[in-house]
């Protein structure tokens, strides 16, 4: 056997060691402690270096690796206090520690600290957990004003934000005829708004939801007053309207045409006149007034003047004149009528 003496770090006296295959490792550990020991250290996953957010009812299952040799002692605290073992369970292994919550509640939110101790050395890691849920409904919604096609609403924030910041509000409208709700504003950050483009003749109710990371509030308050969109009275303005004067002196737009007829066959003469006020029509033959003569029949309708010569004879030929007269003046047209005797 070989006997060896060694002075280990921290010892005051040399110690005799029996060198053999079985105790060679123990000797190396005494001479060089780092060969057989590991200082405690925690490897915190990157995802846990920022606030870890879960919803109410979700499972929390965190696995935190660490090192240390021999096996270190791992302990957890919640906001500086011991864990509530009725809600939170911990399993410590050789190289990791697991924190488990079956159904997270808002009370589980806070700062969790893992401490790994080995002798006089220790390592710590901190994890912030936030458990959130849907917000409560907004408060005190009211209809402030209605004008034209618009309505103004106001409300106050919810008493419970769900343990996290609000992302905004969702505003909806419903007309009393259909009763269907339609969204008019989303992710709206103010506590008052104007709803536009409402339809004349309809009455509207409004409601407002609060929103956070979990979604919209489960309920929404509805305005007690309805917004009635009434049709405004039509006002006709006649000031400054200039009435056009349509008065004019007679003017023939179509003259009489010369014609040749045969004795015994009725003949008609036509012309057109325009005038305002309505003119008086006078028919002449060879400059002699023939009105009242049963030989002739004169008609006037919508400015069309006609003269019928009934069964003309050889002496009915000549120059026929149509004269139109009103307060603004007069006008006349002539034509020649020839009457032939058949062979």
Protein backbone atom coordinates (compact mmCIF):
# COMPACT_ATOMS: atom_id res chain seq x y z
CA UNK A 1 0.00 0.00 0.00
CA UNK A 2 1.03 3.58 -0.66
CA UNK A 3 0.52 6.21 2.08
CA UNK A 4 0.24 9.84 1.07
CA UNK A 5 -0.19 13.04 3.07
CA UNK A 6 -2.05 16.05 1.68
CA UNK A 7 -2.91 19.56 2.92
CA UNK A 8 -6.40 20.46 1.75
CA UNK A 9 -7.55 24.08 1.40
CA UNK A 10 -8.84 25.31 4.75
CA UNK A 11 -7.06 22.59 6.76
CA UNK A 12 -4.27 23.45 9.24
CA UNK A 13 -2.68 20.02 9.37
CA UNK A 14 -1.57 17.49 6.84
CA UNK A 15 -3.78 14.45 6.54
CA UNK A 16 -2.77 10.93 5.65
CA UNK A 17 -4.79 9.38 2.84
CA UNK A 18 -4.81 5.76 1.78
CA UNK A 19 -4.34 5.83 -1.95
CA UNK A 20 -6.39 3.26 -3.77
CA UNK A 21 -8.60 3.03 -6.79
CA UNK A 22 -11.72 3.51 -4.68
CA UNK A 23 -10.69 6.77 -2.95
CA UNK A 24 -8.83 8.47 -5.80
CA UNK A 25 -11.90 10.54 -6.77
CA UNK A 26 -12.42 11.63 -3.16
CA UNK A 27 -8.83 12.79 -3.04
CA UNK A 28 -9.27 14.83 -6.21
CA UNK A 29 -12.36 16.47 -4.78
CA UNK A 30 -10.51 17.51 -1.63
CA UNK A 31 -7.54 18.85 -3.55
CA UNK A 32 -9.72 20.61 -6.17
CA UNK A 33 -13.26 21.27 -4.87
CA UNK A 34 -14.41 22.70 -8.20
CA UNK A 35 -14.03 19.28 -9.77
CA UNK A 36 -16.87 17.85 -7.69
CA UNK A 37 -19.07 20.88 -6.94
CA UNK A 38 -21.13 23.38 -8.98
CA UNK A 39 -22.09 26.80 -7.74
CA UNK A 40 -25.87 27.36 -7.81
CA UNK A 41 -27.21 29.13 -10.90
CA UNK A 42 -30.70 29.58 -12.37
CA UNK A 43 -31.40 29.51 -16.11
CA UNK A 44 -34.52 31.69 -16.47
CA UNK A 45 -36.30 31.12 -19.84
CA UNK A 46 -36.48 34.21 -22.06
CA UNK A 47 -40.31 34.18 -22.09
CA UNK A 48 -40.34 34.63 -18.30
CA UNK A 49 -38.05 37.66 -18.25
CA UNK A 50 -41.09 39.86 -18.85
CA UNK A 51 -44.52 39.78 -17.21
CA UNK A 52 -46.14 36.37 -17.70
CA UNK A 53 -49.86 36.98 -18.50
CA UNK A 54 -52.58 34.36 -18.15
CA UNK A 55 -56.39 34.51 -18.14
CA UNK A 56 -58.55 33.54 -15.17
CA UNK A 57 -59.06 29.76 -15.26
CA UNK A 58 -55.90 29.06 -17.29
CA UNK A 59 -53.22 26.63 -16.09
CA UNK A 60 -49.84 27.98 -14.97
CA UNK A 61 -47.01 25.45 -15.44
CA UNK A 62 -43.51 26.95 -15.19
CA UNK A 63 -40.35 24.83 -15.46
CA UNK A 64 -37.20 26.65 -14.32
CA UNK A 65 -33.82 24.89 -14.94
CA UNK A 66 -30.94 25.42 -12.49
CA UNK A 67 -27.54 23.97 -11.69
CA UNK A 68 -25.75 23.08 -8.47
CA UNK A 69 -23.81 20.14 -7.12
CA UNK A 70 -24.50 18.52 -4.83
CA UNK A 71 -28.27 18.98 -5.19
CA UNK A 72 -29.17 22.48 -3.97
CA UNK A 73 -32.25 23.48 -1.99
CA UNK A 74 -34.91 25.28 -4.09
CA UNK A 75 -37.63 27.39 -2.44
CA UNK A 76 -40.39 29.65 -3.82
CA UNK A 77 -42.05 32.76 -2.38
CA UNK A 78 -45.04 34.86 -3.54
CA UNK A 79 -44.70 38.60 -2.89
CA UNK A 80 -42.15 37.77 -0.19
CA UNK A 81 -44.40 35.23 1.58
CA UNK A 82 -44.60 31.46 1.56
CA UNK A 83 -46.75 29.88 -1.14
CA UNK A 84 -50.38 28.93 -0.50
CA UNK A 85 -50.01 25.19 -0.91
CA UNK A 86 -53.78 24.77 -1.33
CA UNK A 87 -53.51 26.59 -4.64
CA UNK A 88 -49.89 26.34 -5.76
CA UNK A 89 -47.79 23.19 -5.96
CA UNK A 90 -44.02 22.89 -6.45
CA UNK A 91 -41.89 19.95 -7.60
CA UNK A 92 -38.12 20.20 -7.22
CA UNK A 93 -35.88 17.91 -9.23
CA UNK A 94 -32.12 17.47 -9.58
CA UNK A 95 -31.83 20.12 -12.28
CA UNK A 96 -35.14 22.04 -12.30
CA UNK A 97 -38.09 23.29 -10.31
CA UNK A 98 -41.72 23.33 -11.47
CA UNK A 99 -44.37 25.82 -10.27
CA UNK A 100 -47.93 24.62 -11.02
CA UNK A 101 -51.35 26.33 -10.62
CA UNK A 102 -54.28 24.31 -11.95
CA UNK A 103 -56.80 27.16 -12.35
CA UNK A 104 -55.32 30.62 -12.04
CA UNK A 105 -57.23 33.35 -10.22
CA UNK A 106 -56.55 37.07 -10.01
CA UNK A 107 -55.24 36.57 -6.46
CA UNK A 108 -52.40 34.50 -7.96
CA UNK A 109 -50.99 37.61 -9.62
CA UNK A 110 -47.77 39.02 -8.16
CA UNK A 111 -44.02 38.52 -7.94
CA UNK A 112 -42.73 34.97 -7.54
CA UNK A 113 -39.12 34.39 -6.48
CA UNK A 114 -37.14 31.16 -6.82
CA UNK A 115 -34.13 30.83 -4.49
CA UNK A 116 -31.56 28.06 -5.04
CA UNK A 117 -29.18 27.57 -2.07
CA UNK A 118 -26.06 25.46 -1.77
CA UNK A 119 -24.08 25.91 1.40
CA UNK A 120 -23.38 29.59 1.82
CA UNK A 121 -24.06 30.32 -1.85
CA UNK A 122 -27.39 31.06 -3.47
CA UNK A 123 -29.00 32.22 -6.75
CA UNK A 124 -32.36 33.92 -7.20
CA UNK A 125 -34.75 34.56 -10.08
CA UNK A 126 -37.89 36.69 -10.14
CA UNK A 127 -41.02 36.05 -12.25
CA UNK A 128 -43.95 38.51 -12.49
CA UNK A 129 -47.29 36.77 -13.11
CA UNK A 130 -50.44 38.71 -14.09
CA UNK A 131 -53.82 36.94 -14.16
CA UNK A 132 -56.48 38.93 -16.05
CA UNK A 133 -60.15 38.65 -17.06
CA UNK A 134 -62.78 40.61 -18.99
CA UNK A 135 -63.54 44.12 -17.72
CA UNK A 136 -66.78 45.19 -16.11
CA UNK A 137 -69.34 47.27 -18.04
CA UNK A 138 -68.99 51.07 -18.43
CA UNK A 139 -71.03 53.18 -16.04
CA UNK A 140 -73.65 55.95 -16.35
CA UNK A 141 -74.19 55.97 -20.12
CA UNK A 142 -76.56 58.74 -21.20
CA UNK A 143 -77.87 60.44 -24.33
CA UNK A 144 -76.69 64.07 -24.14
CA UNK A 145 -78.03 65.66 -27.33
CA UNK A 146 -79.74 64.92 -30.66
CA UNK A 147 -79.53 67.22 -33.68
CA UNK A 148 -79.96 66.63 -37.40
CA UNK A 149 -78.74 63.09 -38.15
CA UNK A 150 -76.46 62.95 -35.06
CA UNK A 151 -76.54 61.92 -31.39
CA UNK A 152 -74.04 62.64 -28.58
CA UNK A 153 -73.29 60.02 -25.88
CA UNK A 154 -71.36 60.13 -22.59
CA UNK A 155 -70.33 57.43 -20.07
CA UNK A 156 -67.80 56.73 -17.30
CA UNK A 157 -65.10 53.98 -17.16
CA UNK A 158 -65.93 50.59 -15.60
CA UNK A 159 -65.26 50.06 -11.90
CA UNK A 160 -63.36 46.82 -12.68
CA UNK A 161 -60.86 46.87 -15.58
CA UNK A 162 -60.14 43.12 -15.33
CA UNK A 163 -56.72 43.57 -13.63
CA UNK A 164 -55.21 45.13 -16.77
CA UNK A 165 -55.35 48.31 -18.81
CA UNK A 166 -58.36 49.03 -21.04
CA UNK A 167 -57.83 48.96 -24.81
CA UNK A 168 -60.89 51.13 -25.51
CA UNK A 169 -64.65 51.00 -25.96
CA UNK A 170 -67.06 49.59 -28.56
CA UNK A 171 -70.20 51.65 -29.30
CA UNK A 172 -73.30 50.07 -30.90
CA UNK A 173 -76.68 51.37 -32.09
CA UNK A 174 -80.08 49.72 -32.68
CA UNK A 175 -83.21 51.21 -34.25
CA UNK A 176 -86.52 50.36 -32.61
CA UNK A 177 -87.99 48.97 -35.85
CA UNK A 178 -85.52 46.10 -36.35
CA UNK A 179 -84.03 45.80 -32.86
CA UNK A 180 -80.69 44.69 -34.39
CA UNK A 181 -77.41 46.02 -32.95
CA UNK A 182 -74.73 47.42 -35.25
CA UNK A 183 -71.21 48.53 -34.28
CA UNK A 184 -70.43 52.18 -35.07
CA UNK A 185 -67.12 52.62 -33.16
CA UNK A 186 -64.38 50.15 -32.13
CA UNK A 187 -61.24 50.59 -29.97
CA UNK A 188 -62.50 54.07 -29.06
CA UNK A 189 -60.50 55.66 -26.23
CA UNK A 190 -62.66 58.59 -25.08
CA UNK A 191 -65.70 58.51 -22.79
CA UNK A 192 -67.91 60.59 -25.10
CA UNK A 193 -68.69 60.34 -28.80
CA UNK A 194 -70.93 61.56 -31.62
CA UNK A 195 -72.84 58.93 -33.64
CA UNK A 196 -73.60 60.22 -37.15
CA UNK A 197 -75.51 59.15 -40.28
CA UNK A 198 -78.72 58.25 -38.43
CA UNK A 199 -81.85 57.81 -40.59
CA UNK A 200 -84.75 60.28 -40.57
CA UNK A 201 -87.90 58.88 -38.98
CA UNK A 202 -86.12 56.22 -36.88
CA UNK A 203 -85.59 56.07 -33.12
CA UNK A 204 -82.30 54.69 -31.76
CA UNK A 205 -80.93 53.15 -28.55
CA UNK A 206 -77.19 52.92 -27.82
CA UNK A 207 -74.92 50.71 -25.71
CA UNK A 208 -71.18 50.71 -24.88
CA UNK A 209 -68.79 47.79 -24.13
CA UNK A 210 -65.40 48.08 -22.40
CA UNK A 211 -62.47 46.12 -23.90
CA UNK A 212 -59.13 44.77 -22.64
CA UNK A 213 -56.75 41.94 -23.66
CA UNK A 214 -59.39 39.32 -22.77
CA UNK A 215 -62.07 40.91 -25.00
CA UNK A 216 -65.29 42.86 -24.49
CA UNK A 217 -67.17 43.18 -21.22
CA UNK A 218 -69.88 40.54 -20.84
CA UNK A 219 -72.63 43.17 -20.48
CA UNK A 220 -73.16 46.71 -21.75
CA UNK A 221 -75.41 49.46 -20.36
CA UNK A 222 -78.12 50.80 -22.71
CA UNK A 223 -79.29 54.41 -22.88
CA UNK A 224 -82.61 54.96 -21.13
CA UNK A 225 -83.64 57.71 -23.58
CA UNK A 226 -84.18 57.11 -27.30
CA UNK A 227 -82.77 59.36 -30.01
CA UNK A 228 -85.67 60.38 -32.29
CA UNK A 229 -84.44 61.57 -35.70
CA UNK A 230 -87.16 63.93 -36.93
CA UNK A 231 -87.61 65.40 -40.39
CA UNK A 232 -86.97 69.13 -40.48
CA UNK A 233 -89.71 71.39 -41.91
CA UNK A 234 -89.09 72.52 -45.50
CA UNK A 235 -88.82 76.28 -45.90
CA UNK A 236 -89.37 77.79 -49.35
CA UNK A 237 -87.70 81.12 -50.00
CA UNK A 238 -89.34 83.33 -52.65
CA UNK A 239 -87.47 86.53 -51.93
CA UNK A 240 -85.72 87.88 -54.99
CA UNK A 241 -87.78 85.85 -57.49
CA UNK A 242 -88.37 87.89 -60.67
CA UNK A 243 -91.46 86.90 -62.61
CA UNK A 244 -90.85 86.75 -66.35
CA UNK A 245 -93.03 88.87 -68.66
CA UNK A 246 -94.31 86.73 -71.53
CA UNK A 247 -96.32 89.53 -73.22
CA UNK A 248 -95.66 90.06 -76.95
CA UNK A 249 -97.28 91.53 -80.04
CA UNK A 250 -98.82 89.19 -82.63
CA UNK A 251 -96.41 87.42 -84.94
CA UNK A 252 -97.27 84.88 -87.61
CA UNK A 253 -95.04 81.84 -87.45
CA UNK A 254 -96.62 80.22 -90.55
CA UNK A 255 -98.12 82.37 -93.33
CA UNK A 256 -101.08 81.66 -95.60
CA UNK A 257 -100.34 79.77 -98.80
CA UNK A 258 -101.77 80.57 -102.27
CA UNK A 259 -104.11 77.91 -103.56
CA UNK A 260 -106.27 76.95 -106.54
CA UNK A 261 -109.60 75.18 -106.07
CA UNK A 262 -112.53 73.93 -108.16
CA UNK A 263 -116.03 75.29 -107.87
CA UNK A 264 -118.29 73.28 -105.57
CA UNK A 265 -115.47 71.80 -103.41
CA UNK A 266 -114.87 73.17 -99.92
CA UNK A 267 -111.46 74.80 -99.44
CA UNK A 268 -109.53 75.60 -96.21
CA UNK A 269 -106.83 78.19 -95.53
CA UNK A 270 -104.37 77.79 -92.59
CA UNK A 271 -101.83 79.97 -90.75
CA UNK A 272 -100.22 80.10 -87.28
CA UNK A 273 -99.85 83.08 -84.96
CA UNK A 274 -98.09 83.70 -81.61
CA UNK A 275 -99.09 86.50 -79.24
CA UNK A 276 -99.74 87.32 -75.57
CA UNK A 277 -102.31 88.25 -74.52
CA UNK A 278 -104.48 86.21 -76.89
CA UNK A 279 -105.12 88.20 -80.07
CA UNK A 280 -108.37 88.88 -81.93
CA UNK A 281 -108.45 87.20 -85.37
CA UNK A 282 -110.09 89.03 -88.30
CA UNK A 283 -110.52 87.55 -91.81
CA UNK A 284 -110.72 89.79 -94.89
CA UNK A 285 -111.44 89.18 -98.59
CA UNK A 286 -110.11 91.83 -100.92
CA UNK A 287 -109.72 94.02 -97.76
CA UNK A 288 -113.40 93.56 -96.85
CA UNK A 289 -114.41 92.02 -93.48
CA UNK A 290 -116.11 88.69 -94.09
CA UNK A 291 -116.90 87.80 -90.45
CA UNK A 292 -120.52 86.78 -89.97
CA UNK A 293 -120.84 85.68 -93.61
CA UNK A 294 -122.32 82.14 -93.65
CA UNK A 295 -120.21 81.40 -96.72
CA UNK A 296 -117.18 81.24 -94.45
CA UNK A 297 -116.36 79.38 -91.26
CA UNK A 298 -113.42 80.71 -89.16
CA UNK A 299 -111.77 78.76 -86.29
CA UNK A 300 -108.83 79.47 -83.94
CA UNK A 301 -107.26 76.90 -81.59
CA UNK A 302 -103.85 77.09 -79.82
CA UNK A 303 -102.59 79.68 -82.26
CA UNK A 304 -103.74 77.81 -85.40
CA UNK A 305 -106.11 79.89 -87.52
CA UNK A 306 -108.27 78.32 -90.25
CA UNK A 307 -110.85 79.63 -92.73
CA UNK A 308 -113.20 77.25 -94.58
CA UNK A 309 -114.71 78.46 -97.91
CA UNK A 310 -117.90 76.47 -98.39
CA UNK A 311 -118.58 75.35 -101.99
CA UNK A 312 -116.75 78.26 -103.62
CA UNK A 313 -118.01 79.74 -106.88
CA UNK A 314 -116.24 81.76 -109.58
CA UNK A 315 -116.77 84.97 -107.60
CA UNK A 316 -115.10 83.61 -104.40
CA UNK A 317 -111.59 83.95 -105.79
CA UNK A 318 -109.40 86.86 -104.68
CA UNK A 319 -106.94 88.03 -101.97
CA UNK A 320 -107.68 86.66 -98.47
CA UNK A 321 -106.10 88.26 -95.38
CA UNK A 322 -105.77 87.03 -91.77
CA UNK A 323 -105.17 89.82 -89.24
CA UNK A 324 -104.21 89.30 -85.55
CA UNK A 325 -104.66 92.21 -83.09
CA UNK A 326 -103.90 92.62 -79.32
CA UNK A 327 -102.94 95.47 -76.98
CA UNK A 328 -99.28 95.33 -78.04
CA UNK A 329 -99.82 95.51 -81.81
CA UNK A 330 -101.08 93.72 -84.89
CA UNK A 331 -99.85 91.56 -87.78
CA UNK A 332 -101.37 90.15 -90.98
CA UNK A 333 -100.68 87.64 -93.76
CA UNK A 334 -102.21 87.34 -97.28
CA UNK A 335 -102.75 84.68 -99.90
CA UNK A 336 -104.38 84.40 -103.35
CA UNK A 337 -107.23 81.97 -104.02
CA UNK A 338 -108.17 81.02 -107.59
CA UNK A 339 -111.46 79.22 -108.34
CA UNK A 340 -111.67 77.29 -111.62
CA UNK A 341 -114.72 75.97 -113.38
CA UNK A 342 -114.34 72.33 -114.46
CA UNK A 343 -114.62 71.62 -118.19
